[in-house]
Amino acid sequence: MAAGCGAQLGDGLGPADASVGLDALRRYGDAPLDAAPDGPPIAPDNACDVPSSQGDLGALTASAIVTGPAPFIYDLEVTTPASAGAPAPDQIIVELWDGFGAFLNTTVAPGTYQISGDDTSYETCGICVLELANVDSSDTPTHMLIAQTGTVIVHAVGTTVGAELDAEVTDATFEEIDPSSYAPITTSSCPSPLAHGRLAGAISAVQ
């Protein structure tokens, strides 16, 4: 997980193999899009410079990376259709961590999971659903949001190059967090809910 749940990176609380920091794992490059709904782009119109509602993004082809060996970290990310082609696009990211949040004391597996509890904090999440605003050429977003509610269906996971990663998000609501400390920004009010989005892609690298 590129941005790495804060407590999971470098403080002794998470997997030893995960203590590598944001830029070592995250890949912010544009991902190809597939089967996005037709219609005009949704303009960014709130304080986080993202749409006040993401709506239904449909099925999107995602960049997929796995970090291992076990415990594994699964990373899916896409550029939002509304920001495709922008110099600093927005992204939706799903990260799945063995041993954290919904997968505490176990490994990531296909199934249906509710976002709650540890999965609402970027320090403890095993299911981490993120929105990043204006990701620039140095891989830095201007705003970062993490899901507080919603459902994630993990359709497929794999640990080899070419295997499929596939996760579907519905009815997600978000809260802004600091991109550096991952602490909630209590004065922020730009939840940018996501009605639906399915991120799937063949694993391009196992790190």
N, C-alpha and C. Protein backbone atom coordinates (compact mmCIF):
# COMPACT_ATOMS: atom_id res chain seq x y z
N MET A 1 0.86 -1.16 0.00
CA MET A 1 0.00 0.00 0.00
C MET A 1 0.88 1.19 0.00
N ALA A 2 0.74 1.97 -1.00
CA ALA A 2 1.68 3.03 -1.17
C ALA A 2 1.58 4.08 -0.13
N ALA A 3 0.42 4.45 0.23
CA ALA A 3 0.34 5.47 1.23
C ALA A 3 0.45 4.84 2.57
N GLY A 4 0.31 3.60 2.66
CA GLY A 4 0.52 2.79 3.78
C GLY A 4 -0.19 3.24 5.03
N CYS A 5 -1.09 2.43 5.57
CA CYS A 5 -1.74 2.80 6.80
C CYS A 5 -0.67 3.24 7.75
N GLY A 6 -0.85 4.41 8.36
CA GLY A 6 0.22 5.03 9.13
C GLY A 6 0.85 4.10 10.14
N ALA A 7 0.02 3.42 10.96
CA ALA A 7 0.57 2.53 11.96
C ALA A 7 1.17 1.30 11.32
N GLN A 8 0.88 1.06 10.07
CA GLN A 8 1.40 -0.12 9.40
C GLN A 8 2.78 0.14 8.80
N LEU A 9 3.22 1.37 8.78
CA LEU A 9 4.47 1.67 8.11
C LEU A 9 5.49 2.21 9.09
N GLY A 10 6.45 1.39 9.41
CA GLY A 10 7.65 1.88 10.05
C GLY A 10 7.57 2.17 11.52
N ASP A 11 6.48 1.74 12.24
CA ASP A 11 6.45 2.01 13.66
C ASP A 11 6.41 0.73 14.49
N GLY A 12 6.65 -0.39 13.83
CA GLY A 12 6.72 -1.65 14.55
C GLY A 12 5.37 -2.31 14.77
N LEU A 13 4.27 -1.68 14.36
CA LEU A 13 2.96 -2.25 14.59
C LEU A 13 2.49 -3.13 13.44
N GLY A 14 3.07 -2.94 12.27
CA GLY A 14 2.61 -3.66 11.09
C GLY A 14 3.64 -4.65 10.60
N PRO A 15 3.35 -5.28 9.46
CA PRO A 15 4.30 -6.25 8.90
C PRO A 15 5.65 -5.62 8.64
N ALA A 16 6.70 -6.34 8.95
CA ALA A 16 8.05 -5.79 8.74
C ALA A 16 8.27 -5.42 7.29
N ASP A 17 7.74 -6.23 6.39
CA ASP A 17 7.93 -5.97 4.96
C ASP A 17 7.18 -4.74 4.48
N ALA A 18 6.27 -4.21 5.32
CA ALA A 18 5.46 -3.07 4.88
C ALA A 18 6.08 -1.73 5.24
N SER A 19 7.19 -1.72 6.01
CA SER A 19 7.73 -0.47 6.51
C SER A 19 8.63 0.19 5.47
N VAL A 20 8.02 0.55 4.34
CA VAL A 20 8.81 1.09 3.24
C VAL A 20 8.34 2.46 2.80
N GLY A 21 7.20 2.94 3.31
CA GLY A 21 6.78 4.30 3.02
C GLY A 21 5.95 4.45 1.77
N LEU A 22 5.35 5.64 1.64
CA LEU A 22 4.36 5.93 0.60
C LEU A 22 4.86 5.69 -0.80
N ASP A 23 5.95 6.33 -1.19
CA ASP A 23 6.35 6.32 -2.60
C ASP A 23 6.87 4.97 -3.06
N ALA A 24 7.34 4.13 -2.11
CA ALA A 24 7.92 2.85 -2.52
C ALA A 24 6.87 1.88 -3.04
N LEU A 25 5.61 2.02 -2.59
CA LEU A 25 4.58 1.07 -2.99
C LEU A 25 3.55 1.68 -3.92
N ARG A 26 3.15 2.93 -3.69
CA ARG A 26 2.08 3.52 -4.49
C ARG A 26 2.54 3.79 -5.91
N ARG A 27 1.68 3.54 -6.85
CA ARG A 27 1.91 3.90 -8.24
C ARG A 27 0.79 4.83 -8.65
N TYR A 28 1.11 6.12 -8.84
CA TYR A 28 0.08 7.10 -9.12
C TYR A 28 -0.16 7.32 -10.61
N GLY A 29 0.50 6.57 -11.49
CA GLY A 29 0.32 6.81 -12.91
C GLY A 29 -1.10 6.52 -13.37
N ASP A 30 -1.48 7.14 -14.49
CA ASP A 30 -2.82 6.93 -15.02
C ASP A 30 -3.05 5.46 -15.34
N ALA A 31 -4.24 4.97 -15.01
CA ALA A 31 -4.63 3.62 -15.38
C ALA A 31 -5.64 3.69 -16.51
N PRO A 32 -5.63 2.73 -17.44
CA PRO A 32 -6.63 2.75 -18.50
C PRO A 32 -8.02 2.57 -17.92
N LEU A 33 -9.01 3.11 -18.58
CA LEU A 33 -10.38 3.04 -18.12
C LEU A 33 -11.17 2.11 -19.03
N ASP A 34 -12.14 1.42 -18.43
CA ASP A 34 -12.93 0.47 -19.21
C ASP A 34 -14.36 0.48 -18.72
N ALA A 35 -15.29 0.61 -19.62
CA ALA A 35 -16.72 0.48 -19.33
C ALA A 35 -17.23 1.52 -18.36
N ALA A 36 -16.65 2.72 -18.35
CA ALA A 36 -17.18 3.80 -17.52
C ALA A 36 -18.49 4.29 -18.11
N PRO A 37 -19.44 4.70 -17.26
CA PRO A 37 -20.72 5.17 -17.80
C PRO A 37 -20.54 6.39 -18.69
N ASP A 38 -21.41 6.51 -19.70
CA ASP A 38 -21.39 7.68 -20.57
C ASP A 38 -21.93 8.89 -19.82
N GLY A 39 -21.65 10.08 -20.35
CA GLY A 39 -22.19 11.30 -19.77
C GLY A 39 -21.09 12.30 -19.53
N PRO A 40 -21.48 13.53 -19.23
CA PRO A 40 -20.48 14.58 -19.03
C PRO A 40 -19.67 14.35 -17.76
N PRO A 41 -18.41 14.80 -17.73
CA PRO A 41 -17.61 14.67 -16.52
C PRO A 41 -18.26 15.42 -15.35
N ILE A 42 -18.00 14.93 -14.14
CA ILE A 42 -18.47 15.59 -12.94
C ILE A 42 -17.35 16.51 -12.45
N ALA A 43 -17.62 17.79 -12.38
CA ALA A 43 -16.57 18.74 -12.04
C ALA A 43 -16.27 18.73 -10.54
N PRO A 44 -15.00 18.97 -10.19
CA PRO A 44 -14.71 19.14 -8.76
C PRO A 44 -15.39 20.39 -8.25
N ASP A 45 -16.13 20.26 -7.16
CA ASP A 45 -16.93 21.39 -6.70
C ASP A 45 -17.02 21.47 -5.19
N ASN A 46 -16.02 20.97 -4.48
CA ASN A 46 -16.02 21.16 -3.04
C ASN A 46 -14.61 21.49 -2.56
N ALA A 47 -14.46 21.63 -1.24
CA ALA A 47 -13.21 22.12 -0.67
C ALA A 47 -12.05 21.16 -0.86
N CYS A 48 -12.33 19.90 -1.16
CA CYS A 48 -11.26 18.93 -1.41
C CYS A 48 -10.90 18.85 -2.89
N ASP A 49 -11.53 19.70 -3.71
CA ASP A 49 -11.26 19.75 -5.14
C ASP A 49 -11.56 18.43 -5.84
N VAL A 50 -12.60 17.76 -5.36
CA VAL A 50 -13.14 16.57 -6.01
C VAL A 50 -14.64 16.78 -6.15
N PRO A 51 -15.32 15.98 -6.97
CA PRO A 51 -16.77 16.13 -7.08
C PRO A 51 -17.46 15.89 -5.74
N SER A 52 -18.54 16.63 -5.49
CA SER A 52 -19.28 16.43 -4.24
C SER A 52 -19.94 15.06 -4.20
N SER A 53 -20.08 14.42 -5.36
CA SER A 53 -20.51 13.03 -5.44
C SER A 53 -19.80 12.38 -6.61
N GLN A 54 -19.21 11.22 -6.37
CA GLN A 54 -18.53 10.49 -7.45
C GLN A 54 -19.52 9.71 -8.31
N GLY A 55 -20.71 9.46 -7.78
CA GLY A 55 -21.71 8.73 -8.54
C GLY A 55 -21.31 7.27 -8.79
N ASP A 56 -21.77 6.73 -9.90
CA ASP A 56 -21.47 5.35 -10.30
C ASP A 56 -20.37 5.38 -11.35
N LEU A 57 -19.21 4.91 -11.01
CA LEU A 57 -18.07 4.91 -11.93
C LEU A 57 -18.07 3.70 -12.85
N GLY A 58 -18.95 2.74 -12.60
CA GLY A 58 -19.00 1.56 -13.45
C GLY A 58 -17.82 0.64 -13.21
N ALA A 59 -17.42 -0.09 -14.25
CA ALA A 59 -16.30 -1.02 -14.19
C ALA A 59 -15.07 -0.35 -14.80
N LEU A 60 -14.00 -0.33 -14.05
CA LEU A 60 -12.78 0.36 -14.48
C LEU A 60 -11.60 -0.61 -14.47
N THR A 61 -10.78 -0.53 -15.50
CA THR A 61 -9.55 -1.31 -15.52
C THR A 61 -8.51 -0.62 -14.65
N ALA A 62 -8.00 -1.32 -13.66
CA ALA A 62 -7.13 -0.74 -12.65
C ALA A 62 -5.69 -1.20 -12.81
N SER A 63 -4.79 -0.37 -12.34
CA SER A 63 -3.41 -0.79 -12.10
C SER A 63 -3.41 -1.68 -10.86
N ALA A 64 -2.77 -2.84 -10.95
CA ALA A 64 -2.80 -3.82 -9.86
C ALA A 64 -1.38 -4.23 -9.50
N ILE A 65 -1.05 -4.08 -8.23
CA ILE A 65 0.29 -4.43 -7.73
C ILE A 65 0.12 -5.17 -6.41
N VAL A 66 0.97 -6.15 -6.18
CA VAL A 66 0.99 -6.89 -4.92
C VAL A 66 2.36 -6.74 -4.29
N THR A 67 2.38 -6.53 -2.99
CA THR A 67 3.63 -6.48 -2.24
C THR A 67 3.69 -7.69 -1.31
N GLY A 68 4.81 -8.37 -1.30
CA GLY A 68 4.98 -9.57 -0.48
C GLY A 68 6.45 -9.80 -0.23
N PRO A 69 6.90 -10.96 0.25
CA PRO A 69 6.07 -12.14 0.50
C PRO A 69 5.13 -11.96 1.68
N ALA A 70 4.36 -13.01 1.99
CA ALA A 70 3.33 -12.91 3.02
C ALA A 70 3.91 -12.28 4.31
N PRO A 71 3.13 -11.38 4.96
CA PRO A 71 1.76 -10.97 4.62
C PRO A 71 1.72 -10.08 3.38
N PHE A 72 0.71 -10.29 2.56
CA PHE A 72 0.61 -9.59 1.28
C PHE A 72 -0.21 -8.31 1.41
N ILE A 73 0.11 -7.36 0.54
CA ILE A 73 -0.63 -6.12 0.38
C ILE A 73 -1.08 -6.06 -1.08
N TYR A 74 -2.38 -5.88 -1.29
CA TYR A 74 -2.96 -5.83 -2.64
C TYR A 74 -3.38 -4.40 -2.94
N ASP A 75 -3.01 -3.89 -4.09
CA ASP A 75 -3.23 -2.49 -4.43
C ASP A 75 -3.88 -2.36 -5.80
N LEU A 76 -5.07 -1.75 -5.82
CA LEU A 76 -5.79 -1.45 -7.06
C LEU A 76 -6.01 0.05 -7.13
N GLU A 77 -5.73 0.68 -8.27
CA GLU A 77 -5.97 2.10 -8.39
C GLU A 77 -6.33 2.50 -9.81
N VAL A 78 -7.19 3.52 -9.88
CA VAL A 78 -7.64 4.03 -11.17
C VAL A 78 -7.69 5.55 -11.12
N THR A 79 -7.51 6.17 -12.27
CA THR A 79 -7.82 7.58 -12.44
C THR A 79 -9.33 7.71 -12.64
N THR A 80 -9.95 8.68 -11.98
CA THR A 80 -11.39 8.85 -12.13
C THR A 80 -11.72 9.35 -13.53
N PRO A 81 -12.83 8.89 -14.10
CA PRO A 81 -13.22 9.38 -15.42
C PRO A 81 -13.34 10.89 -15.48
N ALA A 82 -13.79 11.53 -14.39
CA ALA A 82 -13.98 12.97 -14.38
C ALA A 82 -12.67 13.73 -14.52
N SER A 83 -11.56 13.11 -14.11
CA SER A 83 -10.27 13.81 -14.14
C SER A 83 -9.31 13.25 -15.18
N ALA A 84 -9.76 12.28 -15.97
CA ALA A 84 -8.88 11.68 -16.98
C ALA A 84 -8.36 12.76 -17.91
N GLY A 85 -7.06 12.76 -18.14
CA GLY A 85 -6.44 13.74 -19.02
C GLY A 85 -5.97 15.00 -18.32
N ALA A 86 -6.34 15.18 -17.06
CA ALA A 86 -5.89 16.35 -16.32
C ALA A 86 -4.41 16.22 -15.97
N PRO A 87 -3.68 17.34 -15.87
CA PRO A 87 -2.26 17.27 -15.51
C PRO A 87 -2.04 16.61 -14.14
N ALA A 88 -2.97 16.84 -13.22
CA ALA A 88 -2.90 16.22 -11.90
C ALA A 88 -4.25 15.55 -11.63
N PRO A 89 -4.42 14.31 -12.05
CA PRO A 89 -5.73 13.65 -11.97
C PRO A 89 -6.06 13.19 -10.55
N ASP A 90 -7.33 12.86 -10.36
CA ASP A 90 -7.79 12.25 -9.11
C ASP A 90 -7.74 10.73 -9.25
N GLN A 91 -7.70 10.06 -8.11
CA GLN A 91 -7.66 8.60 -8.15
C GLN A 91 -8.58 7.99 -7.09
N ILE A 92 -9.10 6.83 -7.41
CA ILE A 92 -9.76 5.94 -6.46
C ILE A 92 -8.83 4.76 -6.25
N ILE A 93 -8.62 4.40 -5.00
CA ILE A 93 -7.68 3.33 -4.67
C ILE A 93 -8.33 2.37 -3.68
N VAL A 94 -8.15 1.09 -3.91
CA VAL A 94 -8.53 0.07 -2.94
C VAL A 94 -7.27 -0.69 -2.55
N GLU A 95 -6.97 -0.69 -1.27
CA GLU A 95 -5.84 -1.46 -0.76
C GLU A 95 -6.36 -2.51 0.21
N LEU A 96 -5.85 -3.72 0.11
CA LEU A 96 -6.25 -4.84 0.96
C LEU A 96 -5.00 -5.39 1.63
N TRP A 97 -5.03 -5.43 2.98
CA TRP A 97 -3.85 -5.83 3.76
C TRP A 97 -4.12 -7.11 4.53
N ASP A 98 -3.29 -8.13 4.31
CA ASP A 98 -3.31 -9.28 5.21
C ASP A 98 -3.03 -8.80 6.64
N GLY A 99 -3.80 -9.32 7.60
CA GLY A 99 -3.47 -9.10 9.01
C GLY A 99 -3.97 -7.81 9.61
N PHE A 100 -4.77 -7.02 8.88
CA PHE A 100 -5.26 -5.75 9.41
C PHE A 100 -6.77 -5.62 9.17
N GLY A 101 -7.41 -4.82 10.01
CA GLY A 101 -8.81 -4.50 9.83
C GLY A 101 -9.67 -5.73 9.69
N ALA A 102 -10.45 -5.80 8.61
CA ALA A 102 -11.32 -6.94 8.37
C ALA A 102 -10.55 -8.25 8.25
N PHE A 103 -9.24 -8.17 7.98
CA PHE A 103 -8.42 -9.36 7.80
C PHE A 103 -7.46 -9.57 8.97
N LEU A 104 -7.80 -9.02 10.12
CA LEU A 104 -6.97 -9.20 11.31
C LEU A 104 -6.83 -10.69 11.62
N ASN A 105 -5.60 -11.13 11.81
CA ASN A 105 -5.29 -12.52 12.12
C ASN A 105 -5.65 -13.49 11.00
N THR A 106 -5.80 -12.96 9.79
CA THR A 106 -6.08 -13.84 8.66
C THR A 106 -5.54 -13.19 7.39
N THR A 107 -5.89 -13.75 6.26
CA THR A 107 -5.40 -13.22 4.98
C THR A 107 -6.57 -12.74 4.13
N VAL A 108 -6.27 -11.87 3.18
CA VAL A 108 -7.29 -11.35 2.28
C VAL A 108 -7.90 -12.50 1.49
N ALA A 109 -9.23 -12.50 1.41
CA ALA A 109 -9.93 -13.58 0.69
C ALA A 109 -11.18 -13.01 0.04
N PRO A 110 -11.64 -13.62 -1.06
CA PRO A 110 -12.89 -13.17 -1.66
C PRO A 110 -14.04 -13.21 -0.65
N GLY A 111 -14.94 -12.25 -0.77
CA GLY A 111 -16.07 -12.17 0.14
C GLY A 111 -16.64 -10.77 0.15
N THR A 112 -17.66 -10.57 0.95
CA THR A 112 -18.32 -9.27 1.10
C THR A 112 -18.00 -8.72 2.48
N TYR A 113 -17.54 -7.47 2.51
CA TYR A 113 -17.08 -6.85 3.75
C TYR A 113 -17.69 -5.46 3.90
N GLN A 114 -18.06 -5.13 5.14
CA GLN A 114 -18.56 -3.81 5.46
C GLN A 114 -17.41 -2.94 5.99
N ILE A 115 -17.36 -1.70 5.54
CA ILE A 115 -16.34 -0.78 6.02
C ILE A 115 -16.79 -0.21 7.37
N SER A 116 -16.04 -0.49 8.41
CA SER A 116 -16.36 0.00 9.75
C SER A 116 -15.14 -0.21 10.63
N GLY A 117 -15.18 0.35 11.83
CA GLY A 117 -14.13 0.10 12.81
C GLY A 117 -12.74 0.42 12.30
N ASP A 118 -11.83 -0.54 12.40
CA ASP A 118 -10.44 -0.32 12.02
C ASP A 118 -10.29 0.05 10.54
N ASP A 119 -11.25 -0.34 9.72
CA ASP A 119 -11.13 -0.07 8.29
C ASP A 119 -11.48 1.37 7.92
N THR A 120 -11.84 2.19 8.91
CA THR A 120 -12.12 3.61 8.65
C THR A 120 -10.91 4.49 8.96
N SER A 121 -9.83 3.89 9.43
CA SER A 121 -8.61 4.65 9.77
C SER A 121 -7.46 4.16 8.92
N TYR A 122 -6.67 5.11 8.40
CA TYR A 122 -5.55 4.71 7.56
C TYR A 122 -4.37 4.19 8.36
N GLU A 123 -4.50 4.18 9.67
CA GLU A 123 -3.47 3.58 10.52
C GLU A 123 -3.73 2.11 10.77
N THR A 124 -4.96 1.65 10.59
CA THR A 124 -5.31 0.29 10.98
C THR A 124 -6.09 -0.48 9.92
N CYS A 125 -6.36 0.13 8.76
CA CYS A 125 -7.27 -0.49 7.80
C CYS A 125 -6.67 -1.74 7.15
N GLY A 126 -7.54 -2.73 6.97
CA GLY A 126 -7.22 -3.88 6.13
C GLY A 126 -7.92 -3.75 4.80
N ILE A 127 -9.09 -3.10 4.81
CA ILE A 127 -9.79 -2.68 3.60
C ILE A 127 -9.73 -1.17 3.58
N CYS A 128 -8.91 -0.60 2.72
CA CYS A 128 -8.67 0.84 2.68
C CYS A 128 -9.16 1.35 1.34
N VAL A 129 -10.26 2.11 1.37
CA VAL A 129 -10.80 2.69 0.14
C VAL A 129 -10.53 4.19 0.20
N LEU A 130 -9.80 4.70 -0.80
CA LEU A 130 -9.28 6.06 -0.77
C LEU A 130 -9.69 6.85 -1.99
N GLU A 131 -9.84 8.16 -1.81
CA GLU A 131 -9.91 9.12 -2.90
C GLU A 131 -8.73 10.07 -2.75
N LEU A 132 -7.99 10.27 -3.83
CA LEU A 132 -6.87 11.21 -3.84
C LEU A 132 -7.17 12.30 -4.87
N ALA A 133 -6.99 13.54 -4.46
CA ALA A 133 -7.25 14.68 -5.35
C ALA A 133 -5.95 15.24 -5.90
N ASN A 134 -5.95 15.53 -7.20
CA ASN A 134 -4.85 16.27 -7.84
C ASN A 134 -3.48 15.65 -7.56
N VAL A 135 -3.31 14.40 -7.96
CA VAL A 135 -2.04 13.71 -7.77
C VAL A 135 -1.05 14.26 -8.79
N ASP A 136 0.02 14.89 -8.31
CA ASP A 136 0.93 15.58 -9.22
C ASP A 136 2.06 14.68 -9.68
N SER A 137 3.00 15.25 -10.43
CA SER A 137 4.08 14.47 -11.03
C SER A 137 5.04 13.90 -9.99
N SER A 138 4.99 14.40 -8.77
CA SER A 138 5.83 13.85 -7.70
C SER A 138 5.05 12.85 -6.85
N ASP A 139 3.90 12.40 -7.37
CA ASP A 139 3.07 11.40 -6.69
C ASP A 139 2.46 11.91 -5.39
N THR A 140 2.18 13.21 -5.33
CA THR A 140 1.64 13.81 -4.11
C THR A 140 0.24 14.35 -4.37
N PRO A 141 -0.76 13.92 -3.58
CA PRO A 141 -2.11 14.48 -3.72
C PRO A 141 -2.26 15.75 -2.89
N THR A 142 -3.18 16.62 -3.31
CA THR A 142 -3.48 17.81 -2.50
C THR A 142 -4.45 17.48 -1.39
N HIS A 143 -5.30 16.48 -1.60
CA HIS A 143 -6.26 16.06 -0.58
C HIS A 143 -6.37 14.54 -0.62
N MET A 144 -6.64 13.96 0.55
CA MET A 144 -6.75 12.52 0.68
C MET A 144 -7.98 12.22 1.53
N LEU A 145 -8.83 11.31 1.06
CA LEU A 145 -10.03 10.92 1.78
C LEU A 145 -10.06 9.41 1.94
N ILE A 146 -10.61 8.94 3.07
CA ILE A 146 -10.73 7.50 3.32
C ILE A 146 -12.18 7.18 3.64
N ALA A 147 -12.63 6.03 3.15
CA ALA A 147 -14.03 5.63 3.33
C ALA A 147 -14.33 5.36 4.79
N GLN A 148 -15.53 5.81 5.21
CA GLN A 148 -16.02 5.60 6.56
C GLN A 148 -17.16 4.58 6.61
N THR A 149 -17.86 4.43 5.50
CA THR A 149 -18.92 3.44 5.40
C THR A 149 -18.90 2.87 3.99
N GLY A 150 -19.66 1.80 3.79
CA GLY A 150 -19.76 1.21 2.47
C GLY A 150 -19.54 -0.29 2.50
N THR A 151 -19.67 -0.88 1.35
CA THR A 151 -19.50 -2.32 1.19
C THR A 151 -18.43 -2.57 0.14
N VAL A 152 -17.54 -3.51 0.42
CA VAL A 152 -16.52 -3.93 -0.54
C VAL A 152 -16.68 -5.42 -0.80
N ILE A 153 -16.87 -5.76 -2.06
CA ILE A 153 -16.88 -7.17 -2.46
C ILE A 153 -15.54 -7.48 -3.11
N VAL A 154 -14.79 -8.36 -2.51
CA VAL A 154 -13.54 -8.83 -3.10
C VAL A 154 -13.89 -10.02 -3.98
N HIS A 155 -13.78 -9.82 -5.28
CA HIS A 155 -14.13 -10.89 -6.23
C HIS A 155 -12.95 -11.83 -6.49
N ALA A 156 -11.73 -11.29 -6.50
CA ALA A 156 -10.57 -12.13 -6.81
C ALA A 156 -9.31 -11.51 -6.24
N VAL A 157 -8.43 -12.36 -5.75
CA VAL A 157 -7.09 -11.94 -5.32
C VAL A 157 -6.09 -12.94 -5.87
N GLY A 158 -4.86 -12.50 -6.03
CA GLY A 158 -3.81 -13.39 -6.51
C GLY A 158 -2.46 -12.87 -6.07
N THR A 159 -1.45 -13.67 -6.19
CA THR A 159 -0.11 -13.29 -5.73
C THR A 159 0.94 -13.50 -6.81
N THR A 160 0.54 -13.66 -8.05
CA THR A 160 1.49 -13.85 -9.14
C THR A 160 1.19 -12.86 -10.25
N VAL A 161 2.24 -12.50 -10.98
CA VAL A 161 2.06 -11.59 -12.12
C VAL A 161 1.08 -12.22 -13.11
N GLY A 162 0.11 -11.43 -13.53
CA GLY A 162 -0.90 -11.90 -14.46
C GLY A 162 -2.18 -12.35 -13.81
N ALA A 163 -2.14 -12.66 -12.51
CA ALA A 163 -3.37 -13.03 -11.80
C ALA A 163 -4.26 -11.81 -11.64
N GLU A 164 -5.54 -12.03 -11.45
CA GLU A 164 -6.51 -10.95 -11.38
C GLU A 164 -6.72 -10.46 -9.95
N LEU A 165 -6.76 -9.12 -9.80
CA LEU A 165 -7.27 -8.48 -8.59
C LEU A 165 -8.58 -7.81 -8.98
N ASP A 166 -9.59 -7.96 -8.13
CA ASP A 166 -10.92 -7.46 -8.49
C ASP A 166 -11.66 -7.13 -7.20
N ALA A 167 -12.02 -5.86 -7.04
CA ALA A 167 -12.77 -5.43 -5.86
C ALA A 167 -13.84 -4.43 -6.27
N GLU A 168 -15.02 -4.56 -5.69
CA GLU A 168 -16.17 -3.72 -6.02
C GLU A 168 -16.60 -2.95 -4.78
N VAL A 169 -16.79 -1.64 -4.94
CA VAL A 169 -17.16 -0.76 -3.83
C VAL A 169 -18.55 -0.20 -4.09
N THR A 170 -19.41 -0.22 -3.07
CA THR A 170 -20.73 0.39 -3.19
C THR A 170 -21.04 1.22 -1.96
N ASP A 171 -21.76 2.32 -2.17
CA ASP A 171 -22.30 3.16 -1.10
C ASP A 171 -21.24 3.60 -0.10
N ALA A 172 -20.09 4.04 -0.61
CA ALA A 172 -19.01 4.48 0.26
C ALA A 172 -19.12 5.98 0.54
N THR A 173 -18.96 6.36 1.78
CA THR A 173 -18.83 7.76 2.17
C THR A 173 -17.44 7.98 2.73
N PHE A 174 -16.96 9.22 2.67
CA PHE A 174 -15.55 9.49 2.93
C PHE A 174 -15.36 10.61 3.94
N GLU A 175 -14.18 10.62 4.52
CA GLU A 175 -13.74 11.69 5.42
C GLU A 175 -12.33 12.08 4.99
N GLU A 176 -12.04 13.38 5.02
CA GLU A 176 -10.70 13.83 4.64
C GLU A 176 -9.71 13.55 5.76
N ILE A 177 -8.51 13.12 5.36
CA ILE A 177 -7.42 12.92 6.30
C ILE A 177 -6.19 13.66 5.79
N ASP A 178 -5.27 13.93 6.67
CA ASP A 178 -4.04 14.59 6.30
C ASP A 178 -3.18 13.63 5.46
N PRO A 179 -2.70 14.05 4.27
CA PRO A 179 -1.93 13.13 3.42
C PRO A 179 -0.59 12.71 4.02
N SER A 180 -0.11 13.44 5.02
CA SER A 180 1.18 13.10 5.62
C SER A 180 1.02 12.30 6.91
N SER A 181 0.13 12.77 7.80
CA SER A 181 -0.04 12.11 9.10
C SER A 181 -1.18 11.11 9.11
N TYR A 182 -2.09 11.19 8.13
CA TYR A 182 -3.28 10.35 8.03
C TYR A 182 -4.30 10.62 9.14
N ALA A 183 -4.10 11.70 9.89
CA ALA A 183 -5.06 12.06 10.93
C ALA A 183 -6.31 12.67 10.30
N PRO A 184 -7.49 12.42 10.87
CA PRO A 184 -8.70 13.04 10.34
C PRO A 184 -8.62 14.57 10.40
N ILE A 185 -9.13 15.23 9.37
CA ILE A 185 -9.22 16.68 9.36
C ILE A 185 -10.66 17.02 9.78
N THR A 186 -10.83 17.34 11.05
CA THR A 186 -12.17 17.46 11.62
C THR A 186 -12.93 18.67 11.08
N THR A 187 -12.20 19.65 10.54
CA THR A 187 -12.87 20.84 10.00
C THR A 187 -13.29 20.66 8.55
N SER A 188 -12.93 19.55 7.94
CA SER A 188 -13.26 19.31 6.53
C SER A 188 -14.69 18.80 6.39
N SER A 189 -15.33 19.19 5.30
CA SER A 189 -16.67 18.70 4.99
C SER A 189 -16.79 18.51 3.49
N CYS A 190 -16.20 17.43 2.98
CA CYS A 190 -16.28 17.14 1.54
C CYS A 190 -16.26 15.63 1.35
N PRO A 191 -17.34 14.93 1.73
CA PRO A 191 -17.31 13.47 1.76
C PRO A 191 -17.22 12.78 0.41
N SER A 192 -17.69 13.42 -0.68
CA SER A 192 -17.58 12.88 -2.04
C SER A 192 -17.96 11.40 -2.11
N PRO A 193 -19.21 11.05 -1.78
CA PRO A 193 -19.60 9.63 -1.75
C PRO A 193 -19.47 8.96 -3.11
N LEU A 194 -19.20 7.67 -3.06
CA LEU A 194 -19.06 6.83 -4.25
C LEU A 194 -20.19 5.81 -4.24
N ALA A 195 -21.12 5.94 -5.20
CA ALA A 195 -22.25 5.01 -5.25
C ALA A 195 -21.80 3.61 -5.64
N HIS A 196 -20.87 3.55 -6.60
CA HIS A 196 -20.42 2.24 -7.08
C HIS A 196 -19.18 2.39 -7.93
N GLY A 197 -18.30 1.44 -7.81
CA GLY A 197 -17.16 1.35 -8.69
C GLY A 197 -16.53 -0.02 -8.56
N ARG A 198 -16.20 -0.62 -9.68
CA ARG A 198 -15.54 -1.93 -9.65
C ARG A 198 -14.17 -1.78 -10.28
N LEU A 199 -13.13 -2.06 -9.50
CA LEU A 199 -11.74 -1.93 -9.94
C LEU A 199 -11.18 -3.34 -10.15
N ALA A 200 -10.69 -3.60 -11.34
CA ALA A 200 -10.13 -4.92 -11.64
C ALA A 200 -8.97 -4.78 -12.60
N GLY A 201 -7.97 -5.63 -12.41
CA GLY A 201 -6.83 -5.61 -13.30
C GLY A 201 -5.92 -6.80 -13.07
N ALA A 202 -5.11 -7.10 -14.07
CA ALA A 202 -4.11 -8.16 -13.95
C ALA A 202 -2.90 -7.60 -13.20
N ILE A 203 -2.38 -8.38 -12.27
CA ILE A 203 -1.24 -7.95 -11.47
C ILE A 203 -0.03 -7.74 -12.39
N SER A 204 0.51 -6.51 -12.32
CA SER A 204 1.65 -6.17 -13.18
C SER A 204 2.98 -6.38 -12.49
N ALA A 205 2.97 -6.43 -11.17
CA ALA A 205 4.23 -6.59 -10.43
C ALA A 205 3.94 -7.18 -9.06
N VAL A 206 4.86 -8.02 -8.59
CA VAL A 206 4.85 -8.51 -7.21
C VAL A 206 6.17 -8.06 -6.61
N GLN A 207 6.08 -7.16 -5.66
CA GLN A 207 7.28 -6.52 -5.12
C GLN A 207 7.76 -7.20 -3.86
